[in-house]
Amino acid sequence: MKHGDFTELAKFYVDRPGYSLNLLRYIKAHIEATLGRKIVVADVGAGTGKLTENLAEIGLSGYAVEPNDAMRQEGIKLFADQDCFEWKSGFAEETNLPDACVDWVLMGSSFHWTDAPRATREFCRILKPGGFFTAIWNPRDIQRNELHMQIENMIYKEVPNMKRVSSGNTITTEQISEKIQGGGYFKELIFMECMHDEWMSKERYMNIWRSVNDIQVQAGKEGFQRILKNIETIIHDYNEISVPYKSRAWTAQMHS
């Protein structure tokens, strides 16, 4: 497995948690009030549609763009009985969407994989005048929960020099400002954060771990199997698991 290759993980992504609906509603309200119209969105790097599903839940429609065929097919299956989002093959740097077709572009837990200068230039191409871009992540908020701190400490004992590509937890506004505003395309960066918790079965919880790319790459196949077995041992006596999350979003408006 390689960093950034999610082909083998697509089947597990359905079990990943969604983002904070409260946070997304606040951003949506700000954009609609600013633009004074109903908005169309593009979820770029949509994966299997976790963020796309949340956007549909708050009444939005538009496009879902995903480069990985396996991930995109899972998303298409998720939306099989809905027509609010049109699925497209494309990258952040080349979305294959028409010029000025959306009001709001989002990337959920994926902006760190992009060539930021090329991606922000592409977003300005597909955005209508005055449109917005949001980079959002949904890291676990493990400091709030002893169980998850125990699991995290175990993982770092297994892989002492592990470097997370990005869970979104350690990203700073200064770093995001450089990536989003560095090309001169966007202004007025706004940061929002919202805590939320999700209850899940042990099977779903384990599938979320099986979907994690960067730990698998660094631990290796045998090391990652040991990590999974250790997690199963730690949660053995739990019927359900409450997992704390913290959606973190940076939103900026395109220069006129």
C-alpha atoms as a PDB file:
ATOM      1  CA  MET A   1       0.000   0.000   0.000  1.00  0.00           C
ATOM      2  CA  LYS A   2       1.189   3.541  -0.783  1.00  0.00           C
ATOM      3  CA  HIS A   3       0.557   6.902   0.892  1.00  0.00           C
ATOM      4  CA  GLY A   4      -2.584   8.409  -0.614  1.00  0.00           C
ATOM      5  CA  ASP A   5      -3.764   5.208  -2.351  1.00  0.00           C
ATOM      6  CA  PHE A   6      -7.255   4.406  -1.041  1.00  0.00           C
ATOM      7  CA  THR A   7      -8.272   1.725  -3.547  1.00  0.00           C
ATOM      8  CA  GLU A   8      -8.053  -1.128  -1.034  1.00  0.00           C
ATOM      9  CA  LEU A   9      -9.684   0.958   1.713  1.00  0.00           C
ATOM     10  CA  ALA A  10     -12.798   2.129  -0.122  1.00  0.00           C
ATOM     11  CA  LYS A  11     -15.009  -0.649   1.246  1.00  0.00           C
ATOM     12  CA  PHE A  12     -14.283   0.478   4.826  1.00  0.00           C
ATOM     13  CA  TYR A  13     -14.965   4.193   4.271  1.00  0.00           C
ATOM     14  CA  VAL A  14     -18.722   3.735   4.550  1.00  0.00           C
ATOM     15  CA  ASP A  15     -18.178   3.295   8.305  1.00  0.00           C
ATOM     16  CA  ARG A  16     -16.289   6.542   8.765  1.00  0.00           C
ATOM     17  CA  PRO A  17     -18.110   9.294  10.682  1.00  0.00           C
ATOM     18  CA  GLY A  18     -19.632  12.342   9.085  1.00  0.00           C
ATOM     19  CA  TYR A  19     -18.770  15.946   9.869  1.00  0.00           C
ATOM     20  CA  SER A  20     -20.521  18.261  12.314  1.00  0.00           C
ATOM     21  CA  LEU A  21     -23.845  19.282  10.766  1.00  0.00           C
ATOM     22  CA  ASN A  22     -24.005  22.296  13.078  1.00  0.00           C
ATOM     23  CA  LEU A  23     -20.696  23.581  11.755  1.00  0.00           C
ATOM     24  CA  LEU A  24     -21.716  23.029   8.127  1.00  0.00           C
ATOM     25  CA  ARG A  25     -25.031  24.818   8.721  1.00  0.00           C
ATOM     26  CA  TYR A  26     -23.220  27.862  10.141  1.00  0.00           C
ATOM     27  CA  ILE A  27     -20.905  28.077   7.141  1.00  0.00           C
ATOM     28  CA  LYS A  28     -23.798  27.559   4.730  1.00  0.00           C
ATOM     29  CA  ALA A  29     -25.785  30.351   6.423  1.00  0.00           C
ATOM     30  CA  HIS A  30     -22.816  32.736   6.199  1.00  0.00           C
ATOM     31  CA  ILE A  31     -22.275  32.020   2.503  1.00  0.00           C
ATOM     32  CA  GLU A  32     -25.954  32.298   1.582  1.00  0.00           C
ATOM     33  CA  ALA A  33     -26.265  35.564   3.517  1.00  0.00           C
ATOM     34  CA  THR A  34     -23.145  36.952   1.841  1.00  0.00           C
ATOM     35  CA  LEU A  35     -24.139  35.932  -1.681  1.00  0.00           C
ATOM     36  CA  GLY A  36     -27.858  36.521  -1.238  1.00  0.00           C
ATOM     37  CA  ARG A  37     -28.879  33.408  -3.155  1.00  0.00           C
ATOM     38  CA  LYS A  38     -29.383  29.667  -2.917  1.00  0.00           C
ATOM     39  CA  ILE A  39     -26.027  28.008  -3.429  1.00  0.00           C
ATOM     40  CA  VAL A  40     -24.636  25.082  -5.440  1.00  0.00           C
ATOM     41  CA  VAL A  41     -21.677  23.143  -4.033  1.00  0.00           C
ATOM     42  CA  ALA A  42     -18.807  20.948  -5.183  1.00  0.00           C
ATOM     43  CA  ASP A  43     -17.350  18.352  -2.815  1.00  0.00           C
ATOM     44  CA  VAL A  44     -13.861  17.807  -4.263  1.00  0.00           C
ATOM     45  CA  GLY A  45     -11.957  14.720  -3.158  1.00  0.00           C
ATOM     46  CA  ALA A  46     -15.357  13.375  -2.150  1.00  0.00           C
ATOM     47  CA  GLY A  47     -14.145   9.829  -1.492  1.00  0.00           C
ATOM     48  CA  THR A  48     -17.127   7.601  -0.760  1.00  0.00           C
ATOM     49  CA  GLY A  49     -19.393  10.558  -0.028  1.00  0.00           C
ATOM     50  CA  LYS A  50     -19.151  11.133   3.728  1.00  0.00           C
ATOM     51  CA  LEU A  51     -19.084  14.932   3.452  1.00  0.00           C
ATOM     52  CA  THR A  52     -21.328  14.812   0.367  1.00  0.00           C
ATOM     53  CA  GLU A  53     -23.965  13.021   2.445  1.00  0.00           C
ATOM     54  CA  ASN A  54     -23.749  15.712   5.132  1.00  0.00           C
ATOM     55  CA  LEU A  55     -24.171  18.445   2.509  1.00  0.00           C
ATOM     56  CA  ALA A  56     -27.273  16.681   1.187  1.00  0.00           C
ATOM     57  CA  GLU A  57     -28.604  16.452   4.766  1.00  0.00           C
ATOM     58  CA  ILE A  58     -28.478  20.239   5.123  1.00  0.00           C
ATOM     59  CA  GLY A  59     -30.338  20.744   1.849  1.00  0.00           C
ATOM     60  CA  LEU A  60     -27.501  21.316  -0.631  1.00  0.00           C
ATOM     61  CA  SER A  61     -26.896  19.898  -4.083  1.00  0.00           C
ATOM     62  CA  GLY A  62     -24.220  20.023  -6.757  1.00  0.00           C
ATOM     63  CA  TYR A  63     -21.203  17.918  -7.701  1.00  0.00           C
ATOM     64  CA  ALA A  64     -19.050  15.261  -6.032  1.00  0.00           C
ATOM     65  CA  VAL A  65     -15.575  14.957  -7.581  1.00  0.00           C
ATOM     66  CA  GLU A  66     -13.316  11.978  -6.792  1.00  0.00           C
ATOM     67  CA  PRO A  67     -10.236  10.642  -8.643  1.00  0.00           C
ATOM     68  CA  ASN A  68     -10.180   7.107  -7.219  1.00  0.00           C
ATOM     69  CA  ASP A  69     -12.509   4.776  -9.118  1.00  0.00           C
ATOM     70  CA  ALA A  70     -13.176   2.436  -6.187  1.00  0.00           C
ATOM     71  CA  MET A  71     -13.969   5.295  -3.815  1.00  0.00           C
ATOM     72  CA  ARG A  72     -16.183   7.041  -6.373  1.00  0.00           C
ATOM     73  CA  GLN A  73     -18.158   3.857  -7.054  1.00  0.00           C
ATOM     74  CA  GLU A  74     -18.903   3.531  -3.334  1.00  0.00           C
ATOM     75  CA  GLY A  75     -20.182   7.110  -3.371  1.00  0.00           C
ATOM     76  CA  ILE A  76     -22.336   6.498  -6.419  1.00  0.00           C
ATOM     77  CA  LYS A  77     -23.866   3.481  -4.649  1.00  0.00           C
ATOM     78  CA  LEU A  78     -24.533   5.600  -1.550  1.00  0.00           C
ATOM     79  CA  PHE A  79     -26.448   8.116  -3.670  1.00  0.00           C
ATOM     80  CA  ALA A  80     -28.169   5.549  -5.883  1.00  0.00           C
ATOM     81  CA  ASP A  81     -31.660   6.703  -4.896  1.00  0.00           C
ATOM     82  CA  GLN A  82     -30.827  10.444  -4.898  1.00  0.00           C
ATOM     83  CA  ASP A  83     -30.156  12.888  -7.699  1.00  0.00           C
ATOM     84  CA  CYS A  84     -28.967  15.871  -5.675  1.00  0.00           C
ATOM     85  CA  PHE A  85     -25.272  15.261  -6.498  1.00  0.00           C
ATOM     86  CA  GLU A  86     -23.684  14.464  -9.839  1.00  0.00           C
ATOM     87  CA  TRP A  87     -20.557  12.333  -9.467  1.00  0.00           C
ATOM     88  CA  LYS A  88     -17.513  13.199 -11.580  1.00  0.00           C
ATOM     89  CA  SER A  89     -14.030  11.776 -12.055  1.00  0.00           C
ATOM     90  CA  GLY A  90     -11.477  14.493 -11.330  1.00  0.00           C
ATOM     91  CA  PHE A  91      -8.778  15.911  -9.085  1.00  0.00           C
ATOM     92  CA  ALA A  92      -8.564  19.082  -7.012  1.00  0.00           C
ATOM     93  CA  GLU A  93      -6.112  20.389  -9.580  1.00  0.00           C
ATOM     94  CA  GLU A  94      -8.331  19.371 -12.501  1.00  0.00           C
ATOM     95  CA  THR A  95     -11.941  18.857 -11.464  1.00  0.00           C
ATOM     96  CA  ASN A  96     -13.412  18.505 -14.984  1.00  0.00           C
ATOM     97  CA  LEU A  97     -16.236  20.828 -13.922  1.00  0.00           C
ATOM     98  CA  PRO A  98     -17.452  23.778 -16.040  1.00  0.00           C
ATOM     99  CA  ASP A  99     -16.311  27.346 -15.433  1.00  0.00           C
ATOM    100  CA  ALA A 100     -18.224  29.316 -12.777  1.00  0.00           C
ATOM    101  CA  CYS A 101     -20.618  26.451 -11.984  1.00  0.00           C
ATOM    102  CA  VAL A 102     -20.682  26.469  -8.147  1.00  0.00           C
ATOM    103  CA  ASP A 103     -20.861  28.882  -5.218  1.00  0.00           C
ATOM    104  CA  TRP A 104     -19.044  26.791  -2.611  1.00  0.00           C
ATOM    105  CA  VAL A 105     -16.179  24.303  -3.003  1.00  0.00           C
ATOM    106  CA  LEU A 106     -15.272  22.008  -0.118  1.00  0.00           C
ATOM    107  CA  MET A 107     -12.569  19.445   0.523  1.00  0.00           C
ATOM    108  CA  GLY A 108     -13.186  17.039   3.400  1.00  0.00           C
ATOM    109  CA  SER A 109     -10.014  15.634   5.014  1.00  0.00           C
ATOM    110  CA  SER A 110      -8.182  15.794   1.690  1.00  0.00           C
ATOM    111  CA  PHE A 111      -6.807  19.292   1.021  1.00  0.00           C
ATOM    112  CA  HIS A 112      -3.415  18.210   2.446  1.00  0.00           C
ATOM    113  CA  TRP A 113      -3.002  15.782  -0.491  1.00  0.00           C
ATOM    114  CA  THR A 114      -3.256  18.545  -3.098  1.00  0.00           C
ATOM    115  CA  ASP A 115      -0.829  20.785  -4.946  1.00  0.00           C
ATOM    116  CA  ALA A 116      -2.328  23.825  -3.198  1.00  0.00           C
ATOM    117  CA  PRO A 117      -1.398  26.530  -5.749  1.00  0.00           C
ATOM    118  CA  ARG A 118      -2.863  24.523  -8.627  1.00  0.00           C
ATOM    119  CA  ALA A 119      -5.911  23.469  -6.596  1.00  0.00           C
ATOM    120  CA  THR A 120      -6.836  26.980  -5.447  1.00  0.00           C
ATOM    121  CA  ARG A 121      -6.443  28.265  -9.011  1.00  0.00           C
ATOM    122  CA  GLU A 122      -8.783  25.510 -10.219  1.00  0.00           C
ATOM    123  CA  PHE A 123     -11.314  26.315  -7.499  1.00  0.00           C
ATOM    124  CA  CYS A 124     -11.397  29.934  -8.647  1.00  0.00           C
ATOM    125  CA  ARG A 125     -12.098  28.726 -12.173  1.00  0.00           C
ATOM    126  CA  ILE A 126     -15.144  26.675 -11.148  1.00  0.00           C
ATOM    127  CA  LEU A 127     -16.461  29.186  -8.595  1.00  0.00           C
ATOM    128  CA  LYS A 128     -18.952  31.886  -9.473  1.00  0.00           C
ATOM    129  CA  PRO A 129     -17.843  35.459  -8.637  1.00  0.00           C
ATOM    130  CA  GLY A 130     -17.528  35.900  -4.874  1.00  0.00           C
ATOM    131  CA  GLY A 131     -17.652  32.147  -4.251  1.00  0.00           C
ATOM    132  CA  PHE A 132     -16.172  30.357  -1.237  1.00  0.00           C
ATOM    133  CA  PHE A 133     -13.773  27.507  -0.489  1.00  0.00           C
ATOM    134  CA  THR A 134     -13.755  25.438   2.721  1.00  0.00           C
ATOM    135  CA  ALA A 135     -11.064  22.983   3.809  1.00  0.00           C
ATOM    136  CA  ILE A 136     -12.481  20.809   6.587  1.00  0.00           C
ATOM    137  CA  TRP A 137     -11.139  17.950   8.695  1.00  0.00           C
ATOM    138  CA  ASN A 138     -12.792  15.707  11.271  1.00  0.00           C
ATOM    139  CA  PRO A 139     -10.089  14.428  13.671  1.00  0.00           C
ATOM    140  CA  ARG A 140     -10.793  12.343  16.707  1.00  0.00           C
ATOM    141  CA  ASP A 141     -10.734  14.498  19.846  1.00  0.00           C
ATOM    142  CA  ILE A 142      -9.000  11.812  21.879  1.00  0.00           C
ATOM    143  CA  GLN A 143      -7.904  14.118  24.708  1.00  0.00           C
ATOM    144  CA  ARG A 144     -11.512  13.984  25.904  1.00  0.00           C
ATOM    145  CA  ASN A 145     -11.560  10.192  26.299  1.00  0.00           C
ATOM    146  CA  GLU A 146      -9.293   7.857  28.280  1.00  0.00           C
ATOM    147  CA  LEU A 147     -10.089   4.816  26.093  1.00  0.00           C
ATOM    148  CA  HIS A 148      -8.939   6.523  22.926  1.00  0.00           C
ATOM    149  CA  MET A 149      -5.810   7.889  24.588  1.00  0.00           C
ATOM    150  CA  GLN A 150      -4.951   4.315  25.585  1.00  0.00           C
ATOM    151  CA  ILE A 151      -5.342   3.152  21.978  1.00  0.00           C
ATOM    152  CA  GLU A 152      -3.289   6.065  20.659  1.00  0.00           C
ATOM    153  CA  ASN A 153      -0.438   5.363  23.094  1.00  0.00           C
ATOM    154  CA  MET A 154      -0.436   1.707  22.058  1.00  0.00           C
ATOM    155  CA  ILE A 155      -0.118   2.658  18.381  1.00  0.00           C
ATOM    156  CA  TYR A 156       2.859   4.909  19.026  1.00  0.00           C
ATOM    157  CA  LYS A 157       4.558   2.121  20.975  1.00  0.00           C
ATOM    158  CA  GLU A 158       4.137  -0.082  17.909  1.00  0.00           C
ATOM    159  CA  VAL A 159       5.361   2.649  15.526  1.00  0.00           C
ATOM    160  CA  PRO A 160       7.481   5.051  17.636  1.00  0.00           C
ATOM    161  CA  ASN A 161       8.519   7.309  14.752  1.00  0.00           C
ATOM    162  CA  MET A 162       5.123   7.461  13.096  1.00  0.00           C
ATOM    163  CA  LYS A 163       4.250  10.678  11.284  1.00  0.00           C
ATOM    164  CA  ARG A 164       0.579  11.246  10.562  1.00  0.00           C
ATOM    165  CA  VAL A 165      -0.009  12.720   7.104  1.00  0.00           C
ATOM    166  CA  SER A 166      -2.809  14.802   8.573  1.00  0.00           C
ATOM    167  CA  SER A 167      -5.638  13.995  10.894  1.00  0.00           C
ATOM    168  CA  GLY A 168      -6.482  17.701  10.911  1.00  0.00           C
ATOM    169  CA  ASN A 169      -5.736  17.971  14.622  1.00  0.00           C
ATOM    170  CA  THR A 170      -2.370  19.666  14.328  1.00  0.00           C
ATOM    171  CA  ILE A 171      -3.110  21.942  11.357  1.00  0.00           C
ATOM    172  CA  THR A 172      -2.804  25.637  12.195  1.00  0.00           C
ATOM    173  CA  THR A 173      -4.552  28.641  10.711  1.00  0.00           C
ATOM    174  CA  GLU A 174      -1.138  29.979   9.671  1.00  0.00           C
ATOM    175  CA  GLN A 175      -0.454  26.825   7.635  1.00  0.00           C
ATOM    176  CA  ILE A 176      -3.890  26.892   6.028  1.00  0.00           C
ATOM    177  CA  SER A 177      -3.623  30.608   5.296  1.00  0.00           C
ATOM    178  CA  GLU A 178      -0.419  30.019   3.358  1.00  0.00           C
ATOM    179  CA  LYS A 179      -2.004  27.218   1.317  1.00  0.00           C
ATOM    180  CA  ILE A 180      -5.377  28.855   0.637  1.00  0.00           C
ATOM    181  CA  GLN A 181      -4.363  32.501   0.383  1.00  0.00           C
ATOM    182  CA  GLY A 182      -0.795  32.114  -0.848  1.00  0.00           C
ATOM    183  CA  GLY A 183      -1.796  32.304  -4.510  1.00  0.00           C
ATOM    184  CA  GLY A 184      -3.738  35.523  -3.995  1.00  0.00           C
ATOM    185  CA  TYR A 185      -7.055  33.985  -5.051  1.00  0.00           C
ATOM    186  CA  PHE A 186      -8.852  34.053  -1.674  1.00  0.00           C
ATOM    187  CA  LYS A 187      -9.395  36.556   1.150  1.00  0.00           C
ATOM    188  CA  GLU A 188     -10.841  36.795   4.686  1.00  0.00           C
ATOM    189  CA  LEU A 189     -10.040  33.355   6.097  1.00  0.00           C
ATOM    190  CA  ILE A 190     -12.519  32.232   8.776  1.00  0.00           C
ATOM    191  CA  PHE A 191     -11.829  29.351  11.195  1.00  0.00           C
ATOM    192  CA  MET A 192     -14.609  27.370  12.880  1.00  0.00           C
ATOM    193  CA  GLU A 193     -14.488  24.314  15.146  1.00  0.00           C
ATOM    194  CA  CYS A 194     -17.221  22.127  16.594  1.00  0.00           C
ATOM    195  CA  MET A 195     -17.037  19.082  18.861  1.00  0.00           C
ATOM    196  CA  HIS A 196     -19.369  16.133  18.320  1.00  0.00           C
ATOM    197  CA  ASP A 197     -19.586  12.498  19.433  1.00  0.00           C
ATOM    198  CA  GLU A 198     -20.598   9.404  17.516  1.00  0.00           C
ATOM    199  CA  TRP A 199     -21.741   6.067  18.940  1.00  0.00           C
ATOM    200  CA  MET A 200     -20.810   3.000  16.923  1.00  0.00           C
ATOM    201  CA  SER A 201     -20.595  -0.773  17.068  1.00  0.00           C
ATOM    202  CA  LYS A 202     -17.259  -2.496  17.605  1.00  0.00           C
ATOM    203  CA  GLU A 203     -17.341  -3.757  14.007  1.00  0.00           C
ATOM    204  CA  ARG A 204     -17.841  -0.279  12.619  1.00  0.00           C
ATOM    205  CA  TYR A 205     -15.123   1.095  14.897  1.00  0.00           C
ATOM    206  CA  MET A 206     -12.653  -1.532  13.676  1.00  0.00           C
ATOM    207  CA  ASN A 207     -13.564  -0.835  10.053  1.00  0.00           C
ATOM    208  CA  ILE A 208     -12.680   2.817  10.580  1.00  0.00           C
ATOM    209  CA  TRP A 209      -9.213   1.737  11.713  1.00  0.00           C
ATOM    210  CA  ARG A 210      -8.949  -0.545   8.690  1.00  0.00           C
ATOM    211  CA  SER A 211      -9.600   2.497   6.481  1.00  0.00           C
ATOM    212  CA  VAL A 212      -6.591   4.456   7.793  1.00  0.00           C
ATOM    213  CA  ASN A 213      -3.942   4.807   5.090  1.00  0.00           C
ATOM    214  CA  ASP A 214      -0.917   6.428   6.731  1.00  0.00           C
ATOM    215  CA  ILE A 215      -0.671   4.111   9.760  1.00  0.00           C
ATOM    216  CA  GLN A 216      -0.887   1.015   7.533  1.00  0.00           C
ATOM    217  CA  VAL A 217       1.915   2.299   5.327  1.00  0.00           C
ATOM    218  CA  GLN A 218       4.245   3.087   8.231  1.00  0.00           C
ATOM    219  CA  ALA A 219       3.443   0.064  10.413  1.00  0.00           C
ATOM    220  CA  GLY A 220       3.685  -2.432   7.554  1.00  0.00           C
ATOM    221  CA  LYS A 221       1.298  -5.325   7.060  1.00  0.00           C
ATOM    222  CA  GLU A 222       2.340  -7.368  10.119  1.00  0.00           C
ATOM    223  CA  GLY A 223       2.653  -4.335  12.364  1.00  0.00           C
ATOM    224  CA  PHE A 224      -0.763  -3.078  11.378  1.00  0.00           C
ATOM    225  CA  GLN A 225      -2.330  -6.471  12.074  1.00  0.00           C
ATOM    226  CA  ARG A 226      -0.805  -6.357  15.571  1.00  0.00           C
ATOM    227  CA  ILE A 227      -2.286  -2.888  16.063  1.00  0.00           C
ATOM    228  CA  LEU A 228      -5.736  -4.122  15.030  1.00  0.00           C
ATOM    229  CA  LYS A 229      -5.535  -7.131  17.373  1.00  0.00           C
ATOM    230  CA  ASN A 230      -4.451  -4.873  20.249  1.00  0.00           C
ATOM    231  CA  ILE A 231      -7.373  -2.523  19.615  1.00  0.00           C
ATOM    232  CA  GLU A 232      -9.769  -5.486  19.565  1.00  0.00           C
ATOM    233  CA  THR A 233      -8.379  -6.595  22.943  1.00  0.00           C
ATOM    234  CA  ILE A 234      -8.723  -3.113  24.455  1.00  0.00           C
ATOM    235  CA  ILE A 235     -12.394  -2.760  23.389  1.00  0.00           C
ATOM    236  CA  HIS A 236     -13.335  -6.393  24.084  1.00  0.00           C
ATOM    237  CA  ASP A 237     -15.751  -5.587  26.932  1.00  0.00           C
ATOM    238  CA  TYR A 238     -17.528  -2.727  25.141  1.00  0.00           C
ATOM    239  CA  ASN A 239     -20.904  -3.213  23.465  1.00  0.00           C
ATOM    240  CA  GLU A 240     -20.798   0.203  21.820  1.00  0.00           C
ATOM    241  CA  ILE A 241     -18.082   2.807  21.605  1.00  0.00           C
ATOM    242  CA  SER A 242     -18.480   6.561  21.859  1.00  0.00           C
ATOM    243  CA  VAL A 243     -15.897   8.286  19.686  1.00  0.00           C
ATOM    244  CA  PRO A 244     -15.265  12.011  20.202  1.00  0.00           C
ATOM    245  CA  TYR A 245     -14.644  14.111  17.087  1.00  0.00           C
ATOM    246  CA  LYS A 246     -13.833  17.753  16.420  1.00  0.00           C
ATOM    247  CA  SER A 247     -14.736  19.125  12.992  1.00  0.00           C
ATOM    248  CA  ARG A 248     -12.320  21.941  12.051  1.00  0.00           C
ATOM    249  CA  ALA A 249     -12.988  24.137   9.023  1.00  0.00           C
ATOM    250  CA  TRP A 250     -11.250  27.035   7.304  1.00  0.00           C
ATOM    251  CA  THR A 251     -13.357  29.056   4.860  1.00  0.00           C
ATOM    252  CA  ALA A 252     -12.280  31.876   2.543  1.00  0.00           C
ATOM    253  CA  GLN A 253     -14.017  33.962  -0.110  1.00  0.00           C
ATOM    254  CA  MET A 254     -12.639  34.360  -3.607  1.00  0.00           C
ATOM    255  CA  HIS A 255     -11.342  37.823  -4.498  1.00  0.00           C
ATOM    256  CA  SER A 256     -13.705  39.730  -6.763  1.00  0.00           C
END
